Amino acid sequence: QVQLAESGGGSMQAGGSLRLSCTASLYSLGDLAIGWFRQAPGKEREFVASVSWEDGTTAYGDSVKGRFTISKDSTKITAYLQMDNLKTEDTAVYYCTATQRAITVVGALRDVAIYDYWGQGAQVTVST
């Protein structure tokens, strides 16, 4: 019962920045968390970042830690992914995702299995 609208992405030279946004339409918050996974051709789906609405807990994939920042605007039920110091390896389709399940296990935000709702995806292309 969550619908996601994703925007942002595009093309950028290595070292530049892009920002993605994801807005949720829902009837109740539950234990809401919003994040992103990405997938490049020939590669497995990879966790990028996620944020919990209840307490603001964040999680990042190792490959983006220190370069990407996820934040939330609770008044708009919107998450933002600020991507700085982009690398060519960041090229992928970025899928916004959300869950309303209670999360009690450390590291659960990284687990694709907890996410039930998915956005349409945004292409991010980083060139040399």
N, C-alpha and C. Protein backbone atom coordinates (compact mmCIF):
# COMPACT_ATOMS: atom_id res chain seq x y z
N GLN A 1 0.81 -1.21 0.00
CA GLN A 1 0.00 0.00 0.00
C GLN A 1 0.85 1.27 0.00
N VAL A 2 2.00 1.19 -0.63
CA VAL A 2 2.88 2.34 -0.81
C VAL A 2 3.20 2.47 -2.28
N GLN A 3 3.03 3.65 -2.82
CA GLN A 3 3.42 3.95 -4.18
C GLN A 3 4.57 4.94 -4.15
N LEU A 4 5.57 4.71 -5.00
CA LEU A 4 6.78 5.50 -5.00
C LEU A 4 6.96 6.21 -6.32
N ALA A 5 7.30 7.48 -6.25
CA ALA A 5 7.60 8.29 -7.42
C ALA A 5 9.04 8.76 -7.32
N GLU A 6 9.86 8.34 -8.28
CA GLU A 6 11.28 8.61 -8.25
C GLU A 6 11.64 9.62 -9.33
N SER A 7 12.53 10.54 -9.00
CA SER A 7 12.99 11.53 -9.96
C SER A 7 14.47 11.79 -9.74
N GLY A 8 15.08 12.44 -10.72
CA GLY A 8 16.50 12.72 -10.67
C GLY A 8 17.26 11.84 -11.64
N GLY A 9 18.53 11.68 -11.39
CA GLY A 9 19.38 10.92 -12.28
C GLY A 9 19.82 11.75 -13.47
N GLY A 10 20.44 11.08 -14.41
CA GLY A 10 20.95 11.74 -15.59
C GLY A 10 22.39 11.36 -15.85
N SER A 11 23.07 12.20 -16.61
CA SER A 11 24.47 11.96 -16.98
C SER A 11 25.37 12.99 -16.31
N MET A 12 26.53 12.53 -15.87
CA MET A 12 27.48 13.40 -15.20
C MET A 12 28.88 12.87 -15.40
N GLN A 13 29.83 13.78 -15.46
CA GLN A 13 31.23 13.39 -15.56
C GLN A 13 31.74 12.93 -14.20
N ALA A 14 32.70 12.03 -14.22
CA ALA A 14 33.29 11.55 -12.98
C ALA A 14 33.76 12.71 -12.12
N GLY A 15 33.48 12.63 -10.83
CA GLY A 15 33.81 13.69 -9.90
C GLY A 15 32.67 14.64 -9.64
N GLY A 16 31.63 14.60 -10.45
CA GLY A 16 30.48 15.47 -10.30
C GLY A 16 29.46 14.91 -9.33
N SER A 17 28.30 15.58 -9.28
CA SER A 17 27.25 15.23 -8.32
C SER A 17 25.89 15.14 -9.00
N LEU A 18 25.05 14.30 -8.45
CA LEU A 18 23.66 14.18 -8.85
C LEU A 18 22.82 13.94 -7.59
N ARG A 19 21.53 14.20 -7.69
CA ARG A 19 20.63 13.96 -6.58
C ARG A 19 19.38 13.25 -7.06
N LEU A 20 19.01 12.20 -6.35
CA LEU A 20 17.77 11.48 -6.59
C LEU A 20 16.77 11.81 -5.48
N SER A 21 15.50 11.76 -5.81
CA SER A 21 14.46 11.91 -4.81
C SER A 21 13.42 10.80 -4.99
N CYS A 22 12.76 10.47 -3.90
CA CYS A 22 11.74 9.43 -3.91
C CYS A 22 10.63 9.85 -2.96
N THR A 23 9.44 10.03 -3.48
CA THR A 23 8.29 10.45 -2.70
C THR A 23 7.30 9.30 -2.57
N ALA A 24 6.86 9.05 -1.35
CA ALA A 24 5.93 7.95 -1.07
C ALA A 24 4.52 8.46 -0.91
N SER A 25 3.58 7.75 -1.51
CA SER A 25 2.16 7.97 -1.29
C SER A 25 1.64 6.78 -0.50
N LEU A 26 1.06 7.04 0.66
CA LEU A 26 0.63 5.97 1.54
C LEU A 26 -0.52 6.42 2.43
N TYR A 27 -1.14 5.45 3.09
CA TYR A 27 -2.23 5.75 4.00
C TYR A 27 -1.76 5.89 5.44
N SER A 28 -0.72 5.19 5.83
CA SER A 28 -0.15 5.28 7.16
C SER A 28 1.34 4.97 7.08
N LEU A 29 2.10 5.51 8.02
CA LEU A 29 3.54 5.37 7.97
C LEU A 29 4.00 3.95 8.28
N GLY A 30 3.40 3.32 9.29
CA GLY A 30 3.93 2.05 9.76
C GLY A 30 5.36 2.25 10.24
N ASP A 31 6.22 1.28 9.99
CA ASP A 31 7.65 1.39 10.30
C ASP A 31 8.39 1.68 9.01
N LEU A 32 8.16 2.86 8.47
CA LEU A 32 8.60 3.19 7.12
C LEU A 32 10.11 3.33 7.03
N ALA A 33 10.68 2.75 5.98
CA ALA A 33 12.05 3.01 5.58
C ALA A 33 12.08 3.14 4.06
N ILE A 34 12.87 4.07 3.56
CA ILE A 34 13.01 4.29 2.13
C ILE A 34 14.49 4.24 1.77
N GLY A 35 14.81 3.63 0.66
CA GLY A 35 16.19 3.54 0.24
C GLY A 35 16.31 3.29 -1.24
N TRP A 36 17.54 2.97 -1.66
CA TRP A 36 17.83 2.69 -3.06
C TRP A 36 18.70 1.45 -3.20
N PHE A 37 18.38 0.66 -4.20
CA PHE A 37 19.26 -0.35 -4.74
C PHE A 37 19.61 0.05 -6.17
N ARG A 38 20.72 -0.44 -6.67
CA ARG A 38 21.09 -0.16 -8.04
C ARG A 38 21.50 -1.45 -8.74
N GLN A 39 21.37 -1.43 -10.07
CA GLN A 39 21.73 -2.58 -10.85
C GLN A 39 22.32 -2.14 -12.18
N ALA A 40 23.51 -2.62 -12.47
CA ALA A 40 24.19 -2.36 -13.72
C ALA A 40 24.14 -3.60 -14.58
N PRO A 41 24.23 -3.45 -15.90
CA PRO A 41 24.20 -4.62 -16.79
C PRO A 41 25.27 -5.63 -16.42
N GLY A 42 24.86 -6.89 -16.31
CA GLY A 42 25.79 -7.95 -15.99
C GLY A 42 26.19 -8.05 -14.53
N LYS A 43 25.62 -7.23 -13.66
CA LYS A 43 25.97 -7.24 -12.25
C LYS A 43 24.73 -7.49 -11.40
N GLU A 44 24.96 -7.97 -10.18
CA GLU A 44 23.87 -8.22 -9.26
C GLU A 44 23.33 -6.92 -8.68
N ARG A 45 22.10 -6.98 -8.22
CA ARG A 45 21.51 -5.83 -7.54
C ARG A 45 22.31 -5.51 -6.29
N GLU A 46 22.59 -4.24 -6.07
CA GLU A 46 23.48 -3.81 -5.01
C GLU A 46 22.80 -2.78 -4.11
N PHE A 47 22.90 -2.98 -2.81
CA PHE A 47 22.37 -2.02 -1.85
C PHE A 47 23.17 -0.73 -1.91
N VAL A 48 22.46 0.41 -1.89
CA VAL A 48 23.10 1.72 -1.95
C VAL A 48 22.97 2.46 -0.62
N ALA A 49 21.74 2.72 -0.19
CA ALA A 49 21.51 3.47 1.04
C ALA A 49 20.06 3.35 1.44
N SER A 50 19.79 3.59 2.74
CA SER A 50 18.43 3.55 3.24
C SER A 50 18.33 4.38 4.50
N VAL A 51 17.13 4.87 4.79
CA VAL A 51 16.88 5.67 5.98
C VAL A 51 15.56 5.25 6.60
N SER A 52 15.57 5.12 7.93
CA SER A 52 14.37 4.79 8.69
C SER A 52 13.66 6.07 9.11
N TRP A 53 12.34 6.09 8.93
CA TRP A 53 11.58 7.28 9.30
C TRP A 53 11.43 7.46 10.80
N GLU A 54 11.34 6.38 11.53
CA GLU A 54 11.05 6.46 12.95
C GLU A 54 12.16 7.12 13.74
N ASP A 55 13.40 6.71 13.51
CA ASP A 55 14.52 7.22 14.30
C ASP A 55 15.64 7.83 13.46
N GLY A 56 15.48 7.87 12.15
CA GLY A 56 16.48 8.47 11.29
C GLY A 56 17.71 7.63 11.05
N THR A 57 17.70 6.37 11.46
CA THR A 57 18.84 5.49 11.23
C THR A 57 19.12 5.37 9.74
N THR A 58 20.39 5.45 9.37
CA THR A 58 20.81 5.33 7.98
C THR A 58 21.76 4.17 7.81
N ALA A 59 21.81 3.65 6.60
CA ALA A 59 22.74 2.60 6.25
C ALA A 59 23.24 2.85 4.84
N TYR A 60 24.50 2.48 4.57
CA TYR A 60 25.12 2.70 3.27
C TYR A 60 25.86 1.46 2.82
N GLY A 61 25.83 1.24 1.52
CA GLY A 61 26.68 0.21 0.96
C GLY A 61 28.13 0.63 1.02
N ASP A 62 29.02 -0.36 1.14
CA ASP A 62 30.43 -0.05 1.29
C ASP A 62 30.99 0.75 0.11
N SER A 63 30.50 0.51 -1.07
CA SER A 63 31.04 1.15 -2.25
C SER A 63 30.68 2.63 -2.36
N VAL A 64 29.68 3.10 -1.61
CA VAL A 64 29.26 4.50 -1.70
C VAL A 64 29.47 5.26 -0.41
N LYS A 65 29.86 4.58 0.64
CA LYS A 65 30.04 5.22 1.94
C LYS A 65 31.08 6.34 1.85
N GLY A 66 30.73 7.49 2.39
CA GLY A 66 31.61 8.65 2.34
C GLY A 66 31.39 9.53 1.13
N ARG A 67 30.66 9.04 0.13
CA ARG A 67 30.39 9.81 -1.08
C ARG A 67 28.91 10.15 -1.24
N PHE A 68 28.04 9.24 -0.83
CA PHE A 68 26.59 9.44 -0.95
C PHE A 68 26.01 9.75 0.43
N THR A 69 24.95 10.56 0.44
CA THR A 69 24.27 10.91 1.67
C THR A 69 22.77 10.79 1.46
N ILE A 70 22.11 10.02 2.32
CA ILE A 70 20.65 9.90 2.25
C ILE A 70 20.04 10.74 3.36
N SER A 71 18.93 11.39 3.05
CA SER A 71 18.23 12.21 4.02
C SER A 71 16.73 12.09 3.79
N LYS A 72 15.95 12.62 4.72
CA LYS A 72 14.50 12.53 4.61
C LYS A 72 13.84 13.84 4.97
N ASP A 73 12.72 14.09 4.34
CA ASP A 73 11.85 15.22 4.66
C ASP A 73 10.53 14.61 5.09
N SER A 74 10.31 14.57 6.40
CA SER A 74 9.15 13.88 6.93
C SER A 74 7.84 14.59 6.59
N THR A 75 7.88 15.90 6.38
CA THR A 75 6.66 16.63 6.04
C THR A 75 6.16 16.27 4.65
N LYS A 76 7.06 15.82 3.78
CA LYS A 76 6.70 15.46 2.42
C LYS A 76 6.75 13.96 2.17
N ILE A 77 7.18 13.18 3.14
CA ILE A 77 7.41 11.75 3.00
C ILE A 77 8.29 11.51 1.76
N THR A 78 9.42 12.18 1.76
CA THR A 78 10.35 12.13 0.64
C THR A 78 11.75 11.85 1.15
N ALA A 79 12.44 10.97 0.45
CA ALA A 79 13.85 10.70 0.72
C ALA A 79 14.69 11.25 -0.42
N TYR A 80 15.90 11.69 -0.08
CA TYR A 80 16.83 12.23 -1.06
C TYR A 80 18.14 11.48 -0.98
N LEU A 81 18.72 11.24 -2.12
CA LEU A 81 20.04 10.62 -2.19
C LEU A 81 20.97 11.58 -2.90
N GLN A 82 21.84 12.22 -2.13
CA GLN A 82 22.84 13.12 -2.68
C GLN A 82 24.08 12.31 -3.03
N MET A 83 24.46 12.32 -4.29
CA MET A 83 25.57 11.52 -4.78
C MET A 83 26.69 12.46 -5.20
N ASP A 84 27.77 12.45 -4.44
CA ASP A 84 28.93 13.30 -4.69
C ASP A 84 30.12 12.45 -5.12
N ASN A 85 31.08 13.11 -5.75
CA ASN A 85 32.30 12.43 -6.20
C ASN A 85 31.98 11.16 -6.97
N LEU A 86 31.13 11.31 -7.97
CA LEU A 86 30.68 10.16 -8.73
C LEU A 86 31.83 9.50 -9.48
N LYS A 87 31.75 8.18 -9.57
CA LYS A 87 32.71 7.37 -10.29
C LYS A 87 32.00 6.65 -11.43
N THR A 88 32.77 6.23 -12.43
CA THR A 88 32.17 5.48 -13.53
C THR A 88 31.51 4.20 -13.04
N GLU A 89 32.01 3.65 -11.96
CA GLU A 89 31.43 2.43 -11.38
C GLU A 89 30.05 2.65 -10.79
N ASP A 90 29.64 3.90 -10.62
CA ASP A 90 28.30 4.21 -10.11
C ASP A 90 27.24 4.13 -11.20
N THR A 91 27.63 3.97 -12.44
CA THR A 91 26.68 3.88 -13.54
C THR A 91 25.76 2.67 -13.34
N ALA A 92 24.45 2.93 -13.30
CA ALA A 92 23.48 1.87 -13.06
C ALA A 92 22.08 2.48 -13.11
N VAL A 93 21.08 1.61 -13.07
CA VAL A 93 19.72 2.04 -12.83
C VAL A 93 19.49 2.00 -11.33
N TYR A 94 19.04 3.10 -10.77
CA TYR A 94 18.81 3.22 -9.34
C TYR A 94 17.32 3.10 -9.05
N TYR A 95 16.97 2.12 -8.25
CA TYR A 95 15.58 1.84 -7.92
C TYR A 95 15.28 2.26 -6.48
N CYS A 96 14.36 3.20 -6.33
CA CYS A 96 13.87 3.55 -5.01
C CYS A 96 13.02 2.40 -4.47
N THR A 97 13.10 2.16 -3.17
CA THR A 97 12.36 1.07 -2.57
C THR A 97 11.91 1.46 -1.16
N ALA A 98 10.86 0.81 -0.68
CA ALA A 98 10.31 1.14 0.63
C ALA A 98 9.77 -0.10 1.32
N THR A 99 9.77 -0.04 2.64
CA THR A 99 9.19 -1.08 3.46
C THR A 99 8.45 -0.44 4.62
N GLN A 100 7.45 -1.13 5.14
CA GLN A 100 6.75 -0.73 6.35
C GLN A 100 6.86 -1.80 7.43
N ARG A 101 7.77 -2.73 7.26
CA ARG A 101 7.97 -3.77 8.24
C ARG A 101 8.80 -3.28 9.41
N ALA A 102 8.51 -3.80 10.58
CA ALA A 102 9.34 -3.51 11.74
C ALA A 102 10.72 -4.12 11.54
N ILE A 103 11.75 -3.35 11.84
CA ILE A 103 13.13 -3.79 11.66
C ILE A 103 13.80 -3.84 13.02
N THR A 104 14.17 -5.03 13.45
CA THR A 104 14.77 -5.22 14.77
C THR A 104 16.16 -5.82 14.72
N VAL A 105 16.59 -6.29 13.56
CA VAL A 105 17.88 -6.94 13.43
C VAL A 105 18.88 -5.94 12.86
N VAL A 106 20.04 -5.86 13.47
CA VAL A 106 21.09 -4.98 12.98
C VAL A 106 21.46 -5.36 11.55
N GLY A 107 21.52 -4.37 10.69
CA GLY A 107 21.86 -4.61 9.30
C GLY A 107 20.69 -4.93 8.40
N ALA A 108 19.49 -4.98 8.95
CA ALA A 108 18.32 -5.38 8.16
C ALA A 108 18.02 -4.42 7.03
N LEU A 109 18.35 -3.14 7.18
CA LEU A 109 18.08 -2.17 6.14
C LEU A 109 18.81 -2.49 4.85
N ARG A 110 19.84 -3.30 4.92
CA ARG A 110 20.62 -3.68 3.73
C ARG A 110 20.04 -4.88 3.00
N ASP A 111 19.05 -5.51 3.58
CA ASP A 111 18.51 -6.76 3.07
C ASP A 111 17.38 -6.49 2.09
N VAL A 112 17.57 -6.88 0.85
CA VAL A 112 16.56 -6.65 -0.17
C VAL A 112 15.24 -7.33 0.17
N ALA A 113 15.27 -8.39 0.97
CA ALA A 113 14.08 -9.16 1.27
C ALA A 113 13.05 -8.39 2.08
N ILE A 114 13.44 -7.33 2.77
CA ILE A 114 12.48 -6.60 3.59
C ILE A 114 11.68 -5.58 2.79
N TYR A 115 12.10 -5.30 1.59
CA TYR A 115 11.46 -4.24 0.80
C TYR A 115 10.34 -4.79 -0.07
N ASP A 116 9.20 -4.12 -0.04
CA ASP A 116 7.99 -4.60 -0.71
C ASP A 116 7.53 -3.70 -1.85
N TYR A 117 8.01 -2.49 -1.91
CA TYR A 117 7.53 -1.52 -2.89
C TYR A 117 8.72 -0.94 -3.64
N TRP A 118 8.53 -0.72 -4.94
CA TRP A 118 9.63 -0.30 -5.80
C TRP A 118 9.19 0.82 -6.75
N GLY A 119 10.08 1.77 -6.96
CA GLY A 119 9.86 2.82 -7.93
C GLY A 119 10.22 2.36 -9.33
N GLN A 120 10.09 3.27 -10.28
CA GLN A 120 10.27 2.91 -11.69
C GLN A 120 11.73 2.84 -12.11
N GLY A 121 12.63 3.38 -11.31
CA GLY A 121 14.04 3.39 -11.62
C GLY A 121 14.48 4.68 -12.28
N ALA A 122 15.73 5.06 -12.03
CA ALA A 122 16.33 6.25 -12.62
C ALA A 122 17.71 5.89 -13.12
N GLN A 123 17.99 6.21 -14.37
CA GLN A 123 19.29 5.92 -14.95
C GLN A 123 20.31 6.95 -14.51
N VAL A 124 21.43 6.47 -14.01
CA VAL A 124 22.57 7.32 -13.67
C VAL A 124 23.74 6.86 -14.51
N THR A 125 24.30 7.77 -15.30
CA THR A 125 25.42 7.46 -16.17
C THR A 125 26.57 8.39 -15.84
N VAL A 126 27.70 7.81 -15.50
CA VAL A 126 28.89 8.58 -15.14
C VAL A 126 29.98 8.26 -16.15
N SER A 127 30.50 9.30 -16.79
CA SER A 127 31.51 9.14 -17.82
C SER A 127 32.84 9.69 -17.35
N THR A 128 33.90 9.25 -18.03
CA THR A 128 35.25 9.70 -17.71
C THR A 128 35.40 11.17 -18.06
